[in-house]
Amino acid sequence: MKINEETKVRNQGEISLITTIPKTYVKALNIKSGDTLEWVLNTETETLELKLIK
């Protein structure tokens, strides 16, 4: 299954940015408070992959 969503990015302090996880993903992946997201940046393709760690 492929689900596409877009979210806005906002400032959080001077050097950080923040965004939200769409409700569709939260429900589909059963994401809960306390779960961890691993961020994998590929600078060659300019993509960011998020991996959910329970």
N, C-alpha and C. Protein backbone atom coordinates (compact mmCIF):
# COMPACT_ATOMS: atom_id res chain seq x y z
N MET A 1 0.84 -1.17 0.00
CA MET A 1 0.00 0.00 0.00
C MET A 1 0.90 1.24 0.00
N LYS A 2 0.53 2.25 -0.77
CA LYS A 2 1.28 3.50 -0.80
C LYS A 2 0.33 4.64 -0.48
N ILE A 3 0.68 5.40 0.56
CA ILE A 3 -0.13 6.54 0.98
C ILE A 3 0.76 7.79 0.91
N ASN A 4 0.31 8.80 0.22
CA ASN A 4 1.06 10.06 0.14
C ASN A 4 0.37 11.12 0.98
N GLU A 5 1.15 11.82 1.78
CA GLU A 5 0.66 12.92 2.60
C GLU A 5 1.69 14.04 2.55
N GLU A 6 1.25 15.26 2.76
CA GLU A 6 2.14 16.40 2.88
C GLU A 6 1.85 17.11 4.19
N THR A 7 2.91 17.55 4.86
CA THR A 7 2.75 18.33 6.09
C THR A 7 3.64 19.56 6.01
N LYS A 8 3.28 20.58 6.72
CA LYS A 8 4.07 21.81 6.79
C LYS A 8 5.16 21.66 7.84
N VAL A 9 6.26 22.35 7.64
CA VAL A 9 7.36 22.36 8.59
C VAL A 9 7.37 23.73 9.27
N ARG A 10 7.53 23.72 10.60
CA ARG A 10 7.52 24.96 11.38
C ARG A 10 8.82 25.09 12.18
N ASN A 11 9.16 26.30 12.56
CA ASN A 11 10.33 26.53 13.41
C ASN A 11 10.05 26.05 14.82
N GLN A 12 11.09 25.52 15.45
CA GLN A 12 11.04 25.16 16.87
C GLN A 12 12.37 25.62 17.46
N GLY A 13 12.41 26.83 17.94
CA GLY A 13 13.66 27.39 18.43
C GLY A 13 14.48 27.93 17.27
N GLU A 14 15.77 28.13 17.51
CA GLU A 14 16.63 28.74 16.50
C GLU A 14 17.17 27.75 15.48
N ILE A 15 17.44 26.51 15.89
CA ILE A 15 18.11 25.58 14.97
C ILE A 15 17.30 24.33 14.65
N SER A 16 16.10 24.24 15.15
CA SER A 16 15.28 23.05 14.94
C SER A 16 14.02 23.37 14.16
N LEU A 17 13.54 22.36 13.46
CA LEU A 17 12.25 22.43 12.77
C LEU A 17 11.39 21.29 13.28
N ILE A 18 10.08 21.44 13.14
CA ILE A 18 9.15 20.42 13.62
C ILE A 18 8.04 20.23 12.59
N THR A 19 7.54 19.02 12.51
CA THR A 19 6.39 18.71 11.66
C THR A 19 5.52 17.71 12.41
N THR A 20 4.36 17.40 11.87
CA THR A 20 3.47 16.43 12.50
C THR A 20 3.42 15.16 11.67
N ILE A 21 3.04 14.07 12.31
CA ILE A 21 2.82 12.81 11.60
C ILE A 21 1.32 12.74 11.30
N PRO A 22 0.96 12.62 10.04
CA PRO A 22 -0.47 12.58 9.69
C PRO A 22 -1.20 11.42 10.39
N LYS A 23 -2.45 11.68 10.75
CA LYS A 23 -3.27 10.69 11.46
C LYS A 23 -3.36 9.37 10.68
N THR A 24 -3.36 9.45 9.35
CA THR A 24 -3.42 8.25 8.52
C THR A 24 -2.26 7.31 8.83
N TYR A 25 -1.05 7.88 8.97
CA TYR A 25 0.12 7.07 9.28
C TYR A 25 0.08 6.54 10.71
N VAL A 26 -0.36 7.39 11.62
CA VAL A 26 -0.44 6.98 13.03
C VAL A 26 -1.33 5.76 13.16
N LYS A 27 -2.47 5.79 12.49
CA LYS A 27 -3.40 4.66 12.56
C LYS A 27 -2.86 3.44 11.82
N ALA A 28 -2.33 3.64 10.61
CA ALA A 28 -1.85 2.52 9.79
C ALA A 28 -0.68 1.79 10.45
N LEU A 29 0.20 2.54 11.12
CA LEU A 29 1.39 1.95 11.73
C LEU A 29 1.26 1.75 13.24
N ASN A 30 0.10 2.13 13.79
CA ASN A 30 -0.14 2.00 15.23
C ASN A 30 0.97 2.71 16.03
N ILE A 31 1.28 3.94 15.64
CA ILE A 31 2.32 4.72 16.33
C ILE A 31 1.75 5.24 17.64
N LYS A 32 2.55 5.07 18.70
CA LYS A 32 2.12 5.51 20.03
C LYS A 32 3.19 6.39 20.66
N SER A 33 2.79 7.17 21.63
CA SER A 33 3.73 7.99 22.38
C SER A 33 4.79 7.08 22.99
N GLY A 34 6.04 7.46 22.86
CA GLY A 34 7.14 6.65 23.39
C GLY A 34 7.83 5.84 22.31
N ASP A 35 7.18 5.65 21.14
CA ASP A 35 7.83 4.97 20.03
C ASP A 35 8.96 5.87 19.51
N THR A 36 9.90 5.29 18.77
CA THR A 36 11.04 6.02 18.25
C THR A 36 11.01 6.04 16.73
N LEU A 37 11.37 7.17 16.15
CA LEU A 37 11.54 7.27 14.70
C LEU A 37 13.03 7.38 14.39
N GLU A 38 13.53 6.52 13.51
CA GLU A 38 14.91 6.59 13.05
C GLU A 38 14.89 7.37 11.73
N TRP A 39 15.71 8.40 11.63
CA TRP A 39 15.76 9.27 10.45
C TRP A 39 16.97 8.87 9.61
N VAL A 40 16.75 8.55 8.33
CA VAL A 40 17.83 8.18 7.43
C VAL A 40 17.84 9.19 6.27
N LEU A 41 18.91 9.96 6.18
CA LEU A 41 19.03 11.00 5.16
C LEU A 41 19.92 10.51 4.03
N ASN A 42 19.42 10.61 2.79
CA ASN A 42 20.21 10.30 1.61
C ASN A 42 20.44 11.62 0.88
N THR A 43 21.65 12.17 0.99
CA THR A 43 21.94 13.47 0.38
C THR A 43 22.06 13.38 -1.13
N GLU A 44 22.33 12.21 -1.67
CA GLU A 44 22.43 12.07 -3.13
C GLU A 44 21.06 12.19 -3.79
N THR A 45 20.04 11.61 -3.18
CA THR A 45 18.69 11.66 -3.76
C THR A 45 17.81 12.71 -3.08
N GLU A 46 18.36 13.38 -2.06
CA GLU A 46 17.63 14.37 -1.28
C GLU A 46 16.32 13.80 -0.73
N THR A 47 16.42 12.59 -0.18
CA THR A 47 15.25 11.96 0.44
C THR A 47 15.53 11.70 1.91
N LEU A 48 14.45 11.67 2.67
CA LEU A 48 14.52 11.39 4.09
C LEU A 48 13.58 10.23 4.37
N GLU A 49 14.11 9.17 4.92
CA GLU A 49 13.31 7.98 5.23
C GLU A 49 13.15 7.88 6.74
N LEU A 50 11.93 7.64 7.16
CA LEU A 50 11.65 7.44 8.58
C LEU A 50 11.34 5.98 8.84
N LYS A 51 11.98 5.42 9.86
CA LYS A 51 11.71 4.04 10.25
C LYS A 51 11.16 4.04 11.67
N LEU A 52 10.04 3.34 11.86
CA LEU A 52 9.41 3.25 13.17
C LEU A 52 10.06 2.13 13.96
N ILE A 53 10.50 2.45 15.17
CA ILE A 53 11.09 1.46 16.08
C ILE A 53 10.18 1.38 17.28
N LYS A 54 9.59 0.22 17.52
CA LYS A 54 8.68 0.03 18.65
C LYS A 54 9.45 -0.29 19.91
